[in-house]
Structure formats: structure tokens, C-alpha cells
C-alpha atoms as a PDB file:
ATOM      1  CA  MET A   1       7.037  14.844  15.061  1.00  0.00           C
ATOM      2  CA  ARG A   2       8.131  18.114  16.605  1.00  0.00           C
ATOM      3  CA  THR A   3      10.381  16.203  18.983  1.00  0.00           C
ATOM      4  CA  PHE A   4      12.377  14.593  16.156  1.00  0.00           C
ATOM      5  CA  PRO A   5      15.183  16.753  14.748  1.00  0.00           C
ATOM      6  CA  ASP A   6      15.207  16.915  10.920  1.00  0.00           C
ATOM      7  CA  TYR A   7      12.134  14.676  10.729  1.00  0.00           C
ATOM      8  CA  GLU A   8      11.442  15.478   7.065  1.00  0.00           C
ATOM      9  CA  LYS A   9      15.022  14.625   6.136  1.00  0.00           C
ATOM     10  CA  SER A  10      14.681  11.328   7.982  1.00  0.00           C
ATOM     11  CA  LEU A  11      11.501  10.518   6.023  1.00  0.00           C
ATOM     12  CA  GLU A  12      13.217  11.291   2.723  1.00  0.00           C
ATOM     13  CA  HIS A  13      16.035   8.944   3.697  1.00  0.00           C
ATOM     14  CA  MET A  14      13.629   6.120   4.616  1.00  0.00           C
ATOM     15  CA  ALA A  15      11.643   6.513   1.397  1.00  0.00           C
ATOM     16  CA  ALA A  16      14.829   6.461  -0.699  1.00  0.00           C
ATOM     17  CA  ALA A  17      16.290   3.460   1.154  1.00  0.00           C
ATOM     18  CA  GLY A  18      13.502   0.959   0.510  1.00  0.00           C
ATOM     19  CA  GLU A  19       9.918   0.332  -0.478  1.00  0.00           C
ATOM     20  CA  ALA A  20       7.684   3.417  -0.122  1.00  0.00           C
ATOM     21  CA  TYR A  21       4.044   4.016  -1.040  1.00  0.00           C
ATOM     22  CA  THR A  22       1.482   6.781  -0.697  1.00  0.00           C
ATOM     23  CA  ALA A  23      -2.260   6.173  -0.397  1.00  0.00           C
ATOM     24  CA  LEU A  24      -4.328   8.909  -2.052  1.00  0.00           C
ATOM     25  CA  ILE A  25      -7.969   9.782  -1.562  1.00  0.00           C
ATOM     26  CA  ASP A  26      -9.364  12.236  -4.100  1.00  0.00           C
ATOM     27  CA  GLY A  27      -5.786  13.032  -5.088  1.00  0.00           C
ATOM     28  CA  GLN A  28      -4.727  13.918  -1.534  1.00  0.00           C
ATOM     29  CA  PRO A  29      -2.185  11.855   0.408  1.00  0.00           C
ATOM     30  CA  VAL A  30      -3.665  10.267   3.538  1.00  0.00           C
ATOM     31  CA  MET A  31      -1.054   7.635   4.344  1.00  0.00           C
ATOM     32  CA  CYS A  32       2.590   7.020   3.492  1.00  0.00           C
ATOM     33  CA  PHE A  33       4.265   3.773   4.430  1.00  0.00           C
ATOM     34  CA  GLY A  34       7.052   1.476   3.486  1.00  0.00           C
ATOM     35  CA  LEU A  35       9.924  -0.569   4.738  1.00  0.00           C
ATOM     36  CA  ILE A  36      13.665  -0.783   4.724  1.00  0.00           C
ATOM     37  CA  GLU A  37      15.336  -4.156   4.464  1.00  0.00           C
ATOM     38  CA  LEU A  38      17.883  -4.277   7.299  1.00  0.00           C
ATOM     39  CA  TRP A  39      19.465  -7.512   6.049  1.00  0.00           C
ATOM     40  CA  PRO A  40      18.165 -10.513   4.119  1.00  0.00           C
ATOM     41  CA  GLY A  41      14.890 -11.657   5.650  1.00  0.00           C
ATOM     42  CA  VAL A  42      14.453  -8.739   8.101  1.00  0.00           C
ATOM     43  CA  ALA A  43      12.829  -5.356   7.446  1.00  0.00           C
ATOM     44  CA  GLU A  44      11.895  -2.254   9.428  1.00  0.00           C
ATOM     45  CA  ALA A  45       8.495  -0.739   8.567  1.00  0.00           C
ATOM     46  CA  TRP A  46       7.345   2.871   8.922  1.00  0.00           C
ATOM     47  CA  MET A  47       4.076   4.725   8.430  1.00  0.00           C
ATOM     48  CA  LEU A  48       2.639   8.240   8.579  1.00  0.00           C
ATOM     49  CA  ARG A  49      -1.024   9.047   8.384  1.00  0.00           C
ATOM     50  CA  ASP A  50      -3.298  12.038   8.069  1.00  0.00           C
ATOM     51  CA  GLU A  51      -6.502  12.484  10.080  1.00  0.00           C
ATOM     52  CA  ALA A  52      -8.448  12.163   6.802  1.00  0.00           C
ATOM     53  CA  ILE A  53      -7.657   8.450   6.908  1.00  0.00           C
ATOM     54  CA  SER A  54     -10.474   7.982   9.439  1.00  0.00           C
ATOM     55  CA  GLN A  55     -13.088   8.375   6.701  1.00  0.00           C
ATOM     56  CA  HIS A  56     -11.657   5.356   4.856  1.00  0.00           C
ATOM     57  CA  ALA A  57     -10.053   3.456   7.730  1.00  0.00           C
ATOM     58  CA  THR A  58     -11.487   0.023   6.946  1.00  0.00           C
ATOM     59  CA  THR A  59     -10.438   0.028   3.293  1.00  0.00           C
ATOM     60  CA  LEU A  60      -6.950   1.353   4.010  1.00  0.00           C
ATOM     61  CA  ALA A  61      -6.464  -1.067   6.907  1.00  0.00           C
ATOM     62  CA  ARG A  62      -7.343  -4.011   4.662  1.00  0.00           C
ATOM     63  CA  CYS A  63      -4.946  -2.745   1.993  1.00  0.00           C
ATOM     64  CA  ALA A  64      -2.169  -2.386   4.590  1.00  0.00           C
ATOM     65  CA  ARG A  65      -2.845  -5.902   5.905  1.00  0.00           C
ATOM     66  CA  ASP A  66      -2.636  -7.302   2.367  1.00  0.00           C
ATOM     67  CA  TYR A  67       0.549  -5.308   1.731  1.00  0.00           C
ATOM     68  CA  PHE A  68       2.331  -6.813   4.743  1.00  0.00           C
ATOM     69  CA  LEU A  69       1.256 -10.298   3.708  1.00  0.00           C
ATOM     70  CA  GLN A  70       2.445  -9.850   0.110  1.00  0.00           C
ATOM     71  CA  ILE A  71       5.681  -8.002   0.892  1.00  0.00           C
ATOM     72  CA  GLY A  72       6.669 -10.762   3.290  1.00  0.00           C
ATOM     73  CA  VAL A  73       6.372 -13.279   0.498  1.00  0.00           C
ATOM     74  CA  SER A  74       7.934 -11.166  -2.274  1.00  0.00           C
ATOM     75  CA  LEU A  75      10.981 -10.162  -0.184  1.00  0.00           C
ATOM     76  CA  SER A  76      11.262 -13.590   1.496  1.00  0.00           C
ATOM     77  CA  LEU A  77      10.990 -11.966   4.918  1.00  0.00           C
ATOM     78  CA  HIS A  78      11.018 -13.968   8.100  1.00  0.00           C
ATOM     79  CA  ARG A  79      10.604 -10.821  10.232  1.00  0.00           C
ATOM     80  CA  CYS A  80       9.188  -7.331   9.833  1.00  0.00           C
ATOM     81  CA  GLN A  81       9.351  -4.904  12.755  1.00  0.00           C
ATOM     82  CA  PHE A  82       8.564  -1.346  13.735  1.00  0.00           C
ATOM     83  CA  SER A  83       8.397   0.834  16.799  1.00  0.00           C
ATOM     84  CA  VAL A  84       5.251   2.514  18.121  1.00  0.00           C
ATOM     85  CA  ASN A  85       4.923   5.143  20.830  1.00  0.00           C
ATOM     86  CA  ARG A  86       3.835   3.316  23.962  1.00  0.00           C
ATOM     87  CA  HIS A  87       0.918   5.725  24.504  1.00  0.00           C
ATOM     88  CA  ASN A  88      -0.426   5.634  20.933  1.00  0.00           C
ATOM     89  CA  GLU A  89      -3.272   3.165  21.485  1.00  0.00           C
ATOM     90  CA  ARG A  90      -4.700   3.647  17.987  1.00  0.00           C
ATOM     91  CA  ALA A  91      -1.370   2.757  16.369  1.00  0.00           C
ATOM     92  CA  ILE A  92      -0.931  -0.257  18.634  1.00  0.00           C
ATOM     93  CA  ARG A  93      -4.420  -1.563  17.746  1.00  0.00           C
ATOM     94  CA  PHE A  94      -3.672  -0.996  14.057  1.00  0.00           C
ATOM     95  CA  ALA A  95      -0.367  -2.870  14.329  1.00  0.00           C
ATOM     96  CA  ARG A  96      -2.101  -5.781  16.012  1.00  0.00           C
ATOM     97  CA  TYR A  97      -4.666  -5.822  13.190  1.00  0.00           C
ATOM     98  CA  LEU A  98      -1.694  -6.122  10.811  1.00  0.00           C
ATOM     99  CA  LYS A  99      -0.580  -9.199  12.812  1.00  0.00           C
ATOM    100  CA  PHE A 100       2.295  -7.484  14.625  1.00  0.00           C
ATOM    101  CA  GLU A 101       2.948  -8.471  18.236  1.00  0.00           C
ATOM    102  CA  VAL A 102       4.572  -6.503  21.043  1.00  0.00           C
ATOM    103  CA  GLU A 103       8.019  -7.884  21.834  1.00  0.00           C
ATOM    104  CA  GLY A 104       9.237  -5.388  24.376  1.00  0.00           C
ATOM    105  CA  VAL A 105       9.624  -1.802  25.528  1.00  0.00           C
ATOM    106  CA  LEU A 106      12.287   0.498  24.097  1.00  0.00           C
ATOM    107  CA  ARG A 107      12.828   2.733  27.102  1.00  0.00           C
ATOM    108  CA  LYS A 108      13.688   6.397  26.425  1.00  0.00           C
ATOM    109  CA  TYR A 109      13.838   5.536  22.727  1.00  0.00           C
ATOM    110  CA  ALA A 110      12.715   8.799  21.112  1.00  0.00           C
ATOM    111  CA  PRO A 111      14.530  12.152  21.119  1.00  0.00           C
ATOM    112  CA  ASP A 112      12.019  13.335  23.741  1.00  0.00           C
ATOM    113  CA  ARG A 113      12.918  10.241  25.805  1.00  0.00           C
ATOM    114  CA  SER A 114       9.482   8.695  25.429  1.00  0.00           C
ATOM    115  CA  ASP A 115       9.109   4.924  25.534  1.00  0.00           C
ATOM    116  CA  TYR A 116       8.248   2.944  22.422  1.00  0.00           C
ATOM    117  CA  LEU A 117       7.123  -0.605  21.856  1.00  0.00           C
ATOM    118  CA  MET A 118       9.041  -2.879  19.492  1.00  0.00           C
ATOM    119  CA  MET A 119       6.450  -4.764  17.478  1.00  0.00           C
ATOM    120  CA  ALA A 120       7.169  -7.534  15.014  1.00  0.00           C
ATOM    121  CA  ARG A 121       5.423  -9.784  12.548  1.00  0.00           C
ATOM    122  CA  LEU A 122       7.037 -13.137  11.878  1.00  0.00           C
ATOM    123  CA  TYR A 123       6.513 -14.959   8.597  1.00  0.00           C
END
């Protein structure tokens, strides 16, 4: 996150622009996620997590999987997408668990010029 200028401001914008949720464990936030509808039927998802999520990974992963199933139906989505750092194996495995597939590489995508993967789930 240090490589992204005004990262907190960007998060505030994303949360205000669409669906946004926070998962709490013992009153502490461990995961924030949501999506922004780009146009009818297509949305861009985002997620932040805390290391404390590891203690409840299975439960939260199941909840996230159910969320992406339900939100696809309720918003009549035919596509949901997000980008994941190419070297973040944990995030890529998680995305695949959520039924997202790699579509391609976004070369020099981030402010630090790192590569990202475009991943999408089709409904």
C-alpha cells in the first residue's frame, strides 16, 4: 500500500461509490470488501484484509464465496472482475476459490510498475 499515493483516499472513494462491507471478529475489522458497478452487468471488486483473518480463514472465505454468488444475482451481473498483484499467491488462490479466473497480465499496472493479473468471474 505504501506504493499507492493517497491510498486511504482511494479506499474512501471506492467504499462511497458502491457496495462496501466490513467483517468484524470480536469487534475488530479483519476484512473490508465491496464492489463498484462499472456499467450495467459489470462490476469491479476490491478487498483488504488484516493478518488476523488467518484465524478464521475458512469461515470468512465461505462468506465471501456466498457474497459473490448472491451479489451477482441481486445486481444482475454477467461479469465481476478485480486485479491481483502477480506475486501474491495467497490472493490468487483465494480469488480462484471465489470462482475467479485469470484472464491476463496487466503489465506495469501499479504505481510501482508491478504487474497485476486481471481476474474475472462470469455469471
